[in-house]
Amino acid sequence: MKNKVILVSSDQLGKGDKELGEGVLETFFTLLKQREELPVAIFCMNSGVLTLTEKSFVSVHLKELEEKGVDVIACKTCVDYYDVENQLIAGKISGMPVFLDLAAKYEVITIS
């Protein structure tokens, strides 16, 4: 995962049952945080910003990744759309220009 950016565009991984998708996404981040090589950043957009709130079990893992030095970023437009600014427990709010800069420098892995 070194020199990679993870783009989280949904609050679940894969299509199908929402509860299953949320569980699979949590497993992904549980395993990711245990790796020696971590991504440079995680950028959350669309319903992916919901993973940064207290309502998502994923937020605990994203907070731990942030504490390990991974930049965790929430799309401002998406945070405003879902009205979750006061519910974020991980990440910092920023704009699409930050993601474009990251994408220009690093390989992007999209989680949707």
PDB file of N, CA and C in Angstrom:
ATOM      1  N   MET A   1       0.802  -1.209   0.000  1.00  0.00           N
ATOM      2  CA  MET A   1       0.000   0.000   0.000  1.00  0.00           C
ATOM      3  C   MET A   1       0.846   1.275   0.000  1.00  0.00           C
ATOM      4  N   LYS A   2       2.135   1.103   0.094  1.00  0.00           N
ATOM      5  CA  LYS A   2       3.020   2.258   0.096  1.00  0.00           C
ATOM      6  C   LYS A   2       2.838   3.059  -1.196  1.00  0.00           C
ATOM      7  N   ASN A   3       2.861   4.372  -1.084  1.00  0.00           N
ATOM      8  CA  ASN A   3       2.720   5.276  -2.226  1.00  0.00           C
ATOM      9  C   ASN A   3       1.387   5.125  -2.946  1.00  0.00           C
ATOM     10  N   LYS A   4       0.344   4.827  -2.177  1.00  0.00           N
ATOM     11  CA  LYS A   4      -0.990   4.697  -2.750  1.00  0.00           C
ATOM     12  C   LYS A   4      -1.962   5.570  -1.972  1.00  0.00           C
ATOM     13  N   VAL A   5      -3.020   5.968  -2.662  1.00  0.00           N
ATOM     14  CA  VAL A   5      -4.122   6.706  -2.054  1.00  0.00           C
ATOM     15  C   VAL A   5      -5.366   5.846  -2.215  1.00  0.00           C
ATOM     16  N   ILE A   6      -6.125   5.705  -1.152  1.00  0.00           N
ATOM     17  CA  ILE A   6      -7.372   4.950  -1.214  1.00  0.00           C
ATOM     18  C   ILE A   6      -8.517   5.951  -1.322  1.00  0.00           C
ATOM     19  N   LEU A   7      -9.318   5.806  -2.357  1.00  0.00           N
ATOM     20  CA  LEU A   7     -10.497   6.636  -2.582  1.00  0.00           C
ATOM     21  C   LEU A   7     -11.715   5.840  -2.127  1.00  0.00           C
ATOM     22  N   VAL A   8     -12.367   6.308  -1.078  1.00  0.00           N
ATOM     23  CA  VAL A   8     -13.549   5.640  -0.532  1.00  0.00           C
ATOM     24  C   VAL A   8     -14.768   6.424  -1.006  1.00  0.00           C
ATOM     25  N   SER A   9     -15.521   5.832  -1.942  1.00  0.00           N
ATOM     26  CA  SER A   9     -16.655   6.553  -2.525  1.00  0.00           C
ATOM     27  C   SER A   9     -18.003   6.028  -2.050  1.00  0.00           C
ATOM     28  N   SER A  10     -17.978   5.122  -1.066  1.00  0.00           N
ATOM     29  CA  SER A  10     -19.221   4.559  -0.560  1.00  0.00           C
ATOM     30  C   SER A  10     -19.028   4.150   0.905  1.00  0.00           C
ATOM     31  N   ASP A  11     -20.136   4.026   1.616  1.00  0.00           N
ATOM     32  CA  ASP A  11     -20.060   3.574   3.009  1.00  0.00           C
ATOM     33  C   ASP A  11     -20.160   2.057   3.116  1.00  0.00           C
ATOM     34  N   GLN A  12     -20.046   1.382   1.960  1.00  0.00           N
ATOM     35  CA  GLN A  12     -20.013  -0.082   1.931  1.00  0.00           C
ATOM     36  C   GLN A  12     -19.106  -0.529   0.794  1.00  0.00           C
ATOM     37  N   LEU A  13     -18.641  -1.752   0.860  1.00  0.00           N
ATOM     38  CA  LEU A  13     -17.763  -2.290  -0.177  1.00  0.00           C
ATOM     39  C   LEU A  13     -18.555  -3.286  -1.004  1.00  0.00           C
ATOM     40  N   GLY A  14     -18.679  -2.990  -2.277  1.00  0.00           N
ATOM     41  CA  GLY A  14     -19.396  -3.863  -3.188  1.00  0.00           C
ATOM     42  C   GLY A  14     -20.868  -3.519  -3.294  1.00  0.00           C
ATOM     43  N   LYS A  15     -21.503  -4.128  -4.260  1.00  0.00           N
ATOM     44  CA  LYS A  15     -22.933  -3.934  -4.491  1.00  0.00           C
ATOM     45  C   LYS A  15     -23.692  -5.069  -3.833  1.00  0.00           C
ATOM     46  N   GLY A  16     -24.913  -4.825  -3.453  1.00  0.00           N
ATOM     47  CA  GLY A  16     -25.715  -5.869  -2.833  1.00  0.00           C
ATOM     48  C   GLY A  16     -26.204  -5.439  -1.477  1.00  0.00           C
ATOM     49  N   ASP A  17     -26.291  -6.387  -0.567  1.00  0.00           N
ATOM     50  CA  ASP A  17     -26.815  -6.140   0.766  1.00  0.00           C
ATOM     51  C   ASP A  17     -25.981  -5.089   1.498  1.00  0.00           C
ATOM     52  N   LYS A  18     -26.644  -4.042   1.987  1.00  0.00           N
ATOM     53  CA  LYS A  18     -25.944  -2.927   2.646  1.00  0.00           C
ATOM     54  C   LYS A  18     -25.200  -3.386   3.901  1.00  0.00           C
ATOM     55  N   GLU A  19     -25.844  -4.197   4.721  1.00  0.00           N
ATOM     56  CA  GLU A  19     -25.214  -4.660   5.960  1.00  0.00           C
ATOM     57  C   GLU A  19     -23.960  -5.486   5.667  1.00  0.00           C
ATOM     58  N   LEU A  20     -24.036  -6.345   4.679  1.00  0.00           N
ATOM     59  CA  LEU A  20     -22.875  -7.137   4.271  1.00  0.00           C
ATOM     60  C   LEU A  20     -21.762  -6.230   3.767  1.00  0.00           C
ATOM     61  N   GLY A  21     -22.113  -5.274   2.918  1.00  0.00           N
ATOM     62  CA  GLY A  21     -21.123  -4.350   2.363  1.00  0.00           C
ATOM     63  C   GLY A  21     -20.425  -3.523   3.421  1.00  0.00           C
ATOM     64  N   GLU A  22     -21.177  -3.099   4.449  1.00  0.00           N
ATOM     65  CA  GLU A  22     -20.575  -2.347   5.548  1.00  0.00           C
ATOM     66  C   GLU A  22     -19.598  -3.227   6.328  1.00  0.00           C
ATOM     67  N   GLY A  23     -19.971  -4.484   6.531  1.00  0.00           N
ATOM     68  CA  GLY A  23     -19.097  -5.419   7.245  1.00  0.00           C
ATOM     69  C   GLY A  23     -17.827  -5.722   6.472  1.00  0.00           C
ATOM     70  N   VAL A  24     -17.956  -5.875   5.162  1.00  0.00           N
ATOM     71  CA  VAL A  24     -16.787  -6.152   4.321  1.00  0.00           C
ATOM     72  C   VAL A  24     -15.843  -4.942   4.320  1.00  0.00           C
ATOM     73  N   LEU A  25     -16.400  -3.741   4.279  1.00  0.00           N
ATOM     74  CA  LEU A  25     -15.576  -2.531   4.320  1.00  0.00           C
ATOM     75  C   LEU A  25     -14.848  -2.422   5.659  1.00  0.00           C
ATOM     76  N   GLU A  26     -15.533  -2.757   6.737  1.00  0.00           N
ATOM     77  CA  GLU A  26     -14.884  -2.735   8.055  1.00  0.00           C
ATOM     78  C   GLU A  26     -13.737  -3.739   8.103  1.00  0.00           C
ATOM     79  N   THR A  27     -13.946  -4.919   7.544  1.00  0.00           N
ATOM     80  CA  THR A  27     -12.882  -5.929   7.503  1.00  0.00           C
ATOM     81  C   THR A  27     -11.686  -5.423   6.705  1.00  0.00           C
ATOM     82  N   PHE A  28     -11.948  -4.762   5.571  1.00  0.00           N
ATOM     83  CA  PHE A  28     -10.875  -4.203   4.752  1.00  0.00           C
ATOM     84  C   PHE A  28      -9.985  -3.280   5.579  1.00  0.00           C
ATOM     85  N   PHE A  29     -10.606  -2.335   6.297  1.00  0.00           N
ATOM     86  CA  PHE A  29      -9.818  -1.374   7.066  1.00  0.00           C
ATOM     87  C   PHE A  29      -9.205  -1.984   8.315  1.00  0.00           C
ATOM     88  N   THR A  30      -9.848  -2.993   8.890  1.00  0.00           N
ATOM     89  CA  THR A  30      -9.262  -3.714  10.026  1.00  0.00           C
ATOM     90  C   THR A  30      -7.944  -4.355   9.610  1.00  0.00           C
ATOM     91  N   LEU A  31      -7.955  -5.000   8.455  1.00  0.00           N
ATOM     92  CA  LEU A  31      -6.747  -5.664   7.952  1.00  0.00           C
ATOM     93  C   LEU A  31      -5.714  -4.655   7.460  1.00  0.00           C
ATOM     94  N   LEU A  32      -6.171  -3.585   6.834  1.00  0.00           N
ATOM     95  CA  LEU A  32      -5.249  -2.566   6.321  1.00  0.00           C
ATOM     96  C   LEU A  32      -4.425  -1.950   7.443  1.00  0.00           C
ATOM     97  N   LYS A  33      -5.055  -1.626   8.548  1.00  0.00           N
ATOM     98  CA  LYS A  33      -4.323  -0.952   9.636  1.00  0.00           C
ATOM     99  C   LYS A  33      -3.281  -1.853  10.284  1.00  0.00           C
ATOM    100  N   GLN A  34      -3.367  -3.160  10.048  1.00  0.00           N
ATOM    101  CA  GLN A  34      -2.409  -4.102  10.612  1.00  0.00           C
ATOM    102  C   GLN A  34      -1.185  -4.291   9.720  1.00  0.00           C
ATOM    103  N   ARG A  35      -1.219  -3.755   8.520  1.00  0.00           N
ATOM    104  CA  ARG A  35      -0.114  -3.920   7.585  1.00  0.00           C
ATOM    105  C   ARG A  35       1.051  -3.001   7.962  1.00  0.00           C
ATOM    106  N   GLU A  36       2.221  -3.438   7.561  1.00  0.00           N
ATOM    107  CA  GLU A  36       3.408  -2.636   7.819  1.00  0.00           C
ATOM    108  C   GLU A  36       3.428  -1.400   6.918  1.00  0.00           C
ATOM    109  N   GLU A  37       3.099  -1.598   5.644  1.00  0.00           N
ATOM    110  CA  GLU A  37       3.074  -0.483   4.694  1.00  0.00           C
ATOM    111  C   GLU A  37       1.648   0.036   4.581  1.00  0.00           C
ATOM    112  N   LEU A  38       1.488   1.304   4.907  1.00  0.00           N
ATOM    113  CA  LEU A  38       0.177   1.937   4.883  1.00  0.00           C
ATOM    114  C   LEU A  38       0.077   2.910   3.705  1.00  0.00           C
ATOM    115  N   PRO A  39      -1.124   3.238   3.284  1.00  0.00           N
ATOM    116  CA  PRO A  39      -1.268   4.215   2.205  1.00  0.00           C
ATOM    117  C   PRO A  39      -0.856   5.612   2.666  1.00  0.00           C
ATOM    118  N   VAL A  40      -0.596   6.463   1.713  1.00  0.00           N
ATOM    119  CA  VAL A  40      -0.250   7.852   2.004  1.00  0.00           C
ATOM    120  C   VAL A  40      -1.482   8.584   2.542  1.00  0.00           C
ATOM    121  N   ALA A  41      -2.631   8.299   1.911  1.00  0.00           N
ATOM    122  CA  ALA A  41      -3.852   9.010   2.285  1.00  0.00           C
ATOM    123  C   ALA A  41      -5.081   8.163   1.972  1.00  0.00           C
ATOM    124  N   ILE A  42      -6.161   8.522   2.642  1.00  0.00           N
ATOM    125  CA  ILE A  42      -7.483   7.965   2.367  1.00  0.00           C
ATOM    126  C   ILE A  42      -8.394   9.162   2.149  1.00  0.00           C
ATOM    127  N   PHE A  43      -8.998   9.229   0.966  1.00  0.00           N
ATOM    128  CA  PHE A  43      -9.882  10.340   0.628  1.00  0.00           C
ATOM    129  C   PHE A  43     -11.301   9.805   0.537  1.00  0.00           C
ATOM    130  N   CYS A  44     -12.199  10.342   1.359  1.00  0.00           N
ATOM    131  CA  CYS A  44     -13.591   9.893   1.394  1.00  0.00           C
ATOM    132  C   CYS A  44     -14.480  10.906   0.686  1.00  0.00           C
ATOM    133  N   MET A  45     -15.274  10.405  -0.249  1.00  0.00           N
ATOM    134  CA  MET A  45     -16.205  11.266  -0.971  1.00  0.00           C
ATOM    135  C   MET A  45     -17.545  10.561  -1.099  1.00  0.00           C
ATOM    136  N   ASN A  46     -18.541  11.279  -1.580  1.00  0.00           N
ATOM    137  CA  ASN A  46     -19.896  10.768  -1.707  1.00  0.00           C
ATOM    138  C   ASN A  46     -20.297  10.139  -0.368  1.00  0.00           C
ATOM    139  N   SER A  47     -20.989   9.003  -0.356  1.00  0.00           N
ATOM    140  CA  SER A  47     -21.406   8.419   0.926  1.00  0.00           C
ATOM    141  C   SER A  47     -20.227   7.834   1.701  1.00  0.00           C
ATOM    142  N   GLY A  48     -19.041   7.843   1.110  1.00  0.00           N
ATOM    143  CA  GLY A  48     -17.840   7.411   1.827  1.00  0.00           C
ATOM    144  C   GLY A  48     -17.541   8.287   3.038  1.00  0.00           C
ATOM    145  N   VAL A  49     -18.003   9.546   3.025  1.00  0.00           N
ATOM    146  CA  VAL A  49     -17.771  10.418   4.180  1.00  0.00           C
ATOM    147  C   VAL A  49     -18.520   9.909   5.415  1.00  0.00           C
ATOM    148  N   LEU A  50     -19.545   9.107   5.212  1.00  0.00           N
ATOM    149  CA  LEU A  50     -20.302   8.562   6.343  1.00  0.00           C
ATOM    150  C   LEU A  50     -19.459   7.586   7.159  1.00  0.00           C
ATOM    151  N   THR A  51     -18.404   7.027   6.550  1.00  0.00           N
ATOM    152  CA  THR A  51     -17.518   6.113   7.275  1.00  0.00           C
ATOM    153  C   THR A  51     -16.693   6.843   8.329  1.00  0.00           C
ATOM    154  N   LEU A  52     -16.674   8.152   8.269  1.00  0.00           N
ATOM    155  CA  LEU A  52     -15.903   8.960   9.224  1.00  0.00           C
ATOM    156  C   LEU A  52     -16.735   9.400  10.420  1.00  0.00           C
ATOM    157  N   THR A  53     -17.990   8.990  10.453  1.00  0.00           N
ATOM    158  CA  THR A  53     -18.883   9.423  11.534  1.00  0.00           C
ATOM    159  C   THR A  53     -19.010   8.339  12.595  1.00  0.00           C
ATOM    160  N   GLU A  54     -19.539   8.749  13.724  1.00  0.00           N
ATOM    161  CA  GLU A  54     -19.735   7.832  14.844  1.00  0.00           C
ATOM    162  C   GLU A  54     -20.740   6.718  14.528  1.00  0.00           C
ATOM    163  N   LYS A  55     -21.522   6.876  13.475  1.00  0.00           N
ATOM    164  CA  LYS A  55     -22.511   5.857  13.103  1.00  0.00           C
ATOM    165  C   LYS A  55     -21.887   4.672  12.367  1.00  0.00           C
ATOM    166  N   SER A  56     -20.621   4.782  11.985  1.00  0.00           N
ATOM    167  CA  SER A  56     -19.949   3.729  11.228  1.00  0.00           C
ATOM    168  C   SER A  56     -18.837   3.093  12.058  1.00  0.00           C
ATOM    169  N   PHE A  57     -18.830   1.759  12.113  1.00  0.00           N
ATOM    170  CA  PHE A  57     -17.744   1.048  12.808  1.00  0.00           C
ATOM    171  C   PHE A  57     -16.403   1.287  12.119  1.00  0.00           C
ATOM    172  N   VAL A  58     -16.438   1.622  10.846  1.00  0.00           N
ATOM    173  CA  VAL A  58     -15.215   1.878  10.080  1.00  0.00           C
ATOM    174  C   VAL A  58     -14.462   3.078  10.648  1.00  0.00           C
ATOM    175  N   SER A  59     -15.185   4.028  11.222  1.00  0.00           N
ATOM    176  CA  SER A  59     -14.550   5.259  11.718  1.00  0.00           C
ATOM    177  C   SER A  59     -13.460   4.976  12.750  1.00  0.00           C
ATOM    178  N   VAL A  60     -13.629   3.950  13.547  1.00  0.00           N
ATOM    179  CA  VAL A  60     -12.621   3.592  14.551  1.00  0.00           C
ATOM    180  C   VAL A  60     -11.303   3.221  13.865  1.00  0.00           C
ATOM    181  N   HIS A  61     -11.403   2.454  12.798  1.00  0.00           N
ATOM    182  CA  HIS A  61     -10.207   2.016  12.067  1.00  0.00           C
ATOM    183  C   HIS A  61      -9.568   3.187  11.316  1.00  0.00           C
ATOM    184  N   LEU A  62     -10.401   4.056  10.760  1.00  0.00           N
ATOM    185  CA  LEU A  62      -9.859   5.224  10.063  1.00  0.00           C
ATOM    186  C   LEU A  62      -9.162   6.161  11.050  1.00  0.00           C
ATOM    187  N   LYS A  63      -9.687   6.287  12.249  1.00  0.00           N
ATOM    188  CA  LYS A  63      -9.044   7.104  13.287  1.00  0.00           C
ATOM    189  C   LYS A  63      -7.679   6.509  13.652  1.00  0.00           C
ATOM    190  N   GLU A  64      -7.611   5.187  13.768  1.00  0.00           N
ATOM    191  CA  GLU A  64      -6.331   4.534  14.080  1.00  0.00           C
ATOM    192  C   GLU A  64      -5.328   4.725  12.943  1.00  0.00           C
ATOM    193  N   LEU A  65      -5.784   4.633  11.707  1.00  0.00           N
ATOM    194  CA  LEU A  65      -4.893   4.863  10.568  1.00  0.00           C
ATOM    195  C   LEU A  65      -4.389   6.308  10.580  1.00  0.00           C
ATOM    196  N   GLU A  66      -5.266   7.221  10.903  1.00  0.00           N
ATOM    197  CA  GLU A  66      -4.888   8.632  11.005  1.00  0.00           C
ATOM    198  C   GLU A  66      -3.810   8.806  12.085  1.00  0.00           C
ATOM    199  N   GLU A  67      -3.973   8.145  13.215  1.00  0.00           N
ATOM    200  CA  GLU A  67      -2.991   8.223  14.299  1.00  0.00           C
ATOM    201  C   GLU A  67      -1.658   7.601  13.914  1.00  0.00           C
ATOM    202  N   LYS A  68      -1.679   6.707  12.912  1.00  0.00           N
ATOM    203  CA  LYS A  68      -0.446   6.091  12.418  1.00  0.00           C
ATOM    204  C   LYS A  68       0.204   6.919  11.308  1.00  0.00           C
ATOM    205  N   GLY A  69      -0.353   8.085  11.016  1.00  0.00           N
ATOM    206  CA  GLY A  69       0.262   8.984  10.047  1.00  0.00           C
ATOM    207  C   GLY A  69      -0.378   9.015   8.673  1.00  0.00           C
ATOM    208  N   VAL A  70      -1.459   8.285   8.464  1.00  0.00           N
ATOM    209  CA  VAL A  70      -2.157   8.311   7.179  1.00  0.00           C
ATOM    210  C   VAL A  70      -3.057   9.545   7.151  1.00  0.00           C
ATOM    211  N   ASP A  71      -2.963  10.341   6.087  1.00  0.00           N
ATOM    212  CA  ASP A  71      -3.874  11.479   5.934  1.00  0.00           C
ATOM    213  C   ASP A  71      -5.258  10.945   5.601  1.00  0.00           C
ATOM    214  N   VAL A  72      -6.229  11.245   6.440  1.00  0.00           N
ATOM    215  CA  VAL A  72      -7.614  10.853   6.199  1.00  0.00           C
ATOM    216  C   VAL A  72      -8.377  12.139   5.904  1.00  0.00           C
ATOM    217  N   ILE A  73      -8.966  12.189   4.718  1.00  0.00           N
ATOM    218  CA  ILE A  73      -9.544  13.434   4.223  1.00  0.00           C
ATOM    219  C   ILE A  73     -10.994  13.205   3.806  1.00  0.00           C
ATOM    220  N   ALA A  74     -11.857  14.134   4.179  1.00  0.00           N
ATOM    221  CA  ALA A  74     -13.269  14.097   3.796  1.00  0.00           C
ATOM    222  C   ALA A  74     -13.542  15.218   2.796  1.00  0.00           C
ATOM    223  N   CYS A  75     -14.232  14.882   1.728  1.00  0.00           N
ATOM    224  CA  CYS A  75     -14.636  15.854   0.710  1.00  0.00           C
ATOM    225  C   CYS A  75     -15.615  16.855   1.323  1.00  0.00           C
ATOM    226  N   LYS A  76     -15.271  18.127   1.262  1.00  0.00           N
ATOM    227  CA  LYS A  76     -16.119  19.169   1.869  1.00  0.00           C
ATOM    228  C   LYS A  76     -17.505  19.207   1.256  1.00  0.00           C
ATOM    229  N   THR A  77     -17.602  19.121  -0.047  1.00  0.00           N
ATOM    230  CA  THR A  77     -18.910  19.155  -0.712  1.00  0.00           C
ATOM    231  C   THR A  77     -19.795  18.016  -0.209  1.00  0.00           C
ATOM    232  N   CYS A  78     -19.205  16.841  -0.035  1.00  0.00           N
ATOM    233  CA  CYS A  78     -19.950  15.661   0.410  1.00  0.00           C
ATOM    234  C   CYS A  78     -20.334  15.769   1.877  1.00  0.00           C
ATOM    235  N   VAL A  79     -19.425  16.265   2.703  1.00  0.00           N
ATOM    236  CA  VAL A  79     -19.720  16.479   4.124  1.00  0.00           C
ATOM    237  C   VAL A  79     -20.888  17.457   4.262  1.00  0.00           C
ATOM    238  N   ASP A  80     -20.863  18.515   3.466  1.00  0.00           N
ATOM    239  CA  ASP A  80     -21.953  19.495   3.501  1.00  0.00           C
ATOM    240  C   ASP A  80     -23.259  18.870   3.011  1.00  0.00           C
ATOM    241  N   TYR A  81     -23.191  18.079   1.953  1.00  0.00           N
ATOM    242  CA  TYR A  81     -24.385  17.450   1.395  1.00  0.00           C
ATOM    243  C   TYR A  81     -25.072  16.546   2.420  1.00  0.00           C
ATOM    244  N   TYR A  82     -24.280  15.729   3.103  1.00  0.00           N
ATOM    245  CA  TYR A  82     -24.825  14.801   4.101  1.00  0.00           C
ATOM    246  C   TYR A  82     -24.996  15.457   5.475  1.00  0.00           C
ATOM    247  N   ASP A  83     -24.535  16.708   5.615  1.00  0.00           N
ATOM    248  CA  ASP A  83     -24.656  17.468   6.858  1.00  0.00           C
ATOM    249  C   ASP A  83     -24.077  16.694   8.051  1.00  0.00           C
ATOM    250  N   VAL A  84     -22.806  16.262   7.909  1.00  0.00           N
ATOM    251  CA  VAL A  84     -22.182  15.441   8.954  1.00  0.00           C
ATOM    252  C   VAL A  84     -20.927  16.086   9.567  1.00  0.00           C
ATOM    253  N   GLU A  85     -20.710  17.352   9.296  1.00  0.00           N
ATOM    254  CA  GLU A  85     -19.483  17.993   9.794  1.00  0.00           C
ATOM    255  C   GLU A  85     -19.314  17.813  11.307  1.00  0.00           C
ATOM    256  N   ASN A  86     -20.382  17.944  12.060  1.00  0.00           N
ATOM    257  CA  ASN A  86     -20.289  17.834  13.524  1.00  0.00           C
ATOM    258  C   ASN A  86     -20.289  16.391  14.002  1.00  0.00           C
ATOM    259  N   GLN A  87     -20.377  15.424  13.078  1.00  0.00           N
ATOM    260  CA  GLN A  87     -20.400  14.016  13.451  1.00  0.00           C
ATOM    261  C   GLN A  87     -19.094  13.292  13.127  1.00  0.00           C
ATOM    262  N   LEU A  88     -18.157  13.980  12.482  1.00  0.00           N
ATOM    263  CA  LEU A  88     -16.899  13.344  12.101  1.00  0.00           C
ATOM    264  C   LEU A  88     -16.052  13.055  13.335  1.00  0.00           C
ATOM    265  N   ILE A  89     -15.564  11.813  13.428  1.00  0.00           N
ATOM    266  CA  ILE A  89     -14.646  11.482  14.530  1.00  0.00           C
ATOM    267  C   ILE A  89     -13.252  11.170  14.011  1.00  0.00           C
ATOM    268  N   ALA A  90     -13.110  11.195  12.696  1.00  0.00           N
ATOM    269  CA  ALA A  90     -11.801  10.987  12.073  1.00  0.00           C
ATOM    270  C   ALA A  90     -11.739  11.874  10.832  1.00  0.00           C
ATOM    271  N   GLY A  91     -10.529  12.150  10.418  1.00  0.00           N
ATOM    272  CA  GLY A  91     -10.321  12.880   9.178  1.00  0.00           C
ATOM    273  C   GLY A  91     -10.420  14.385   9.316  1.00  0.00           C
ATOM    274  N   LYS A  92      -9.948  15.026   8.259  1.00  0.00           N
ATOM    275  CA  LYS A  92     -10.055  16.476   8.158  1.00  0.00           C
ATOM    276  C   LYS A  92     -10.822  16.787   6.879  1.00  0.00           C
ATOM    277  N   ILE A  93     -11.501  17.893   6.871  1.00  0.00           N
ATOM    278  CA  ILE A  93     -12.310  18.277   5.724  1.00  0.00           C
ATOM    279  C   ILE A  93     -11.451  19.077   4.761  1.00  0.00           C
ATOM    280  N   SER A  94     -11.545  18.711   3.486  1.00  0.00           N
ATOM    281  CA  SER A  94     -10.804  19.424   2.458  1.00  0.00           C
ATOM    282  C   SER A  94     -11.571  19.309   1.148  1.00  0.00           C
ATOM    283  N   GLY A  95     -10.995  19.847   0.108  1.00  0.00           N
ATOM    284  CA  GLY A  95     -11.687  19.881  -1.172  1.00  0.00           C
ATOM    285  C   GLY A  95     -11.083  18.964  -2.212  1.00  0.00           C
ATOM    286  N   MET A  96     -11.740  18.922  -3.346  1.00  0.00           N
ATOM    287  CA  MET A  96     -11.314  18.086  -4.455  1.00  0.00           C
ATOM    288  C   MET A  96      -9.915  18.448  -4.966  1.00  0.00           C
ATOM    289  N   PRO A  97      -9.470  19.711  -4.895  1.00  0.00           N
ATOM    290  CA  PRO A  97      -8.104  20.007  -5.332  1.00  0.00           C
ATOM    291  C   PRO A  97      -7.047  19.170  -4.596  1.00  0.00           C
ATOM    292  N   VAL A  98      -7.278  18.882  -3.313  1.00  0.00           N
ATOM    293  CA  VAL A  98      -6.339  18.054  -2.546  1.00  0.00           C
ATOM    294  C   VAL A  98      -6.287  16.651  -3.135  1.00  0.00           C
ATOM    295  N   PHE A  99      -7.464  16.099  -3.465  1.00  0.00           N
ATOM    296  CA  PHE A  99      -7.483  14.766  -4.070  1.00  0.00           C
ATOM    297  C   PHE A  99      -6.783  14.772  -5.427  1.00  0.00           C
ATOM    298  N   LEU A 100      -7.013  15.800  -6.225  1.00  0.00           N
ATOM    299  CA  LEU A 100      -6.357  15.881  -7.533  1.00  0.00           C
ATOM    300  C   LEU A 100      -4.836  15.928  -7.385  1.00  0.00           C
ATOM    301  N   ASP A 101      -4.350  16.655  -6.406  1.00  0.00           N
ATOM    302  CA  ASP A 101      -2.911  16.702  -6.150  1.00  0.00           C
ATOM    303  C   ASP A 101      -2.384  15.325  -5.746  1.00  0.00           C
ATOM    304  N   LEU A 102      -3.121  14.635  -4.872  1.00  0.00           N
ATOM    305  CA  LEU A 102      -2.714  13.286  -4.455  1.00  0.00           C
ATOM    306  C   LEU A 102      -2.724  12.326  -5.641  1.00  0.00           C
ATOM    307  N   ALA A 103      -3.762  12.400  -6.462  1.00  0.00           N
ATOM    308  CA  ALA A 103      -3.898  11.503  -7.612  1.00  0.00           C
ATOM    309  C   ALA A 103      -2.802  11.746  -8.648  1.00  0.00           C
ATOM    310  N   ALA A 104      -2.310  12.970  -8.706  1.00  0.00           N
ATOM    311  CA  ALA A 104      -1.227  13.279  -9.639  1.00  0.00           C
ATOM    312  C   ALA A 104       0.103  12.682  -9.177  1.00  0.00           C
ATOM    313  N   LYS A 105       0.246  12.456  -7.871  1.00  0.00           N
ATOM    314  CA  LYS A 105       1.506  11.958  -7.314  1.00  0.00           C
ATOM    315  C   LYS A 105       1.516  10.469  -7.025  1.00  0.00           C
ATOM    316  N   TYR A 106       0.330   9.898  -6.712  1.00  0.00           N
ATOM    317  CA  TYR A 106       0.271   8.514  -6.223  1.00  0.00           C
ATOM    318  C   TYR A 106      -0.783   7.699  -6.979  1.00  0.00           C
ATOM    319  N   GLU A 107      -0.590   6.391  -6.964  1.00  0.00           N
ATOM    320  CA  GLU A 107      -1.590   5.493  -7.521  1.00  0.00           C
ATOM    321  C   GLU A 107      -2.841   5.519  -6.656  1.00  0.00           C
ATOM    322  N   VAL A 108      -4.021   5.552  -7.287  1.00  0.00           N
ATOM    323  CA  VAL A 108      -5.282   5.595  -6.560  1.00  0.00           C
ATOM    324  C   VAL A 108      -5.962   4.231  -6.627  1.00  0.00           C
ATOM    325  N   ILE A 109      -6.376   3.748  -5.467  1.00  0.00           N
ATOM    326  CA  ILE A 109      -7.155   2.508  -5.367  1.00  0.00           C
ATOM    327  C   ILE A 109      -8.545   2.936  -4.926  1.00  0.00           C
ATOM    328  N   THR A 110      -9.550   2.610  -5.743  1.00  0.00           N
ATOM    329  CA  THR A 110     -10.920   3.036  -5.448  1.00  0.00           C
ATOM    330  C   THR A 110     -11.700   1.935  -4.741  1.00  0.00           C
ATOM    331  N   ILE A 111     -12.311   2.312  -3.630  1.00  0.00           N
ATOM    332  CA  ILE A 111     -13.174   1.419  -2.863  1.00  0.00           C
ATOM    333  C   ILE A 111     -14.601   1.913  -3.095  1.00  0.00           C
ATOM    334  N   SER A 112     -15.426   1.052  -3.676  1.00  0.00           N
ATOM    335  CA  SER A 112     -16.822   1.471  -3.901  1.00  0.00           C
ATOM    336  C   SER A 112     -17.752   0.294  -3.768  1.00  0.00           C
TER     337      SER A 112
END
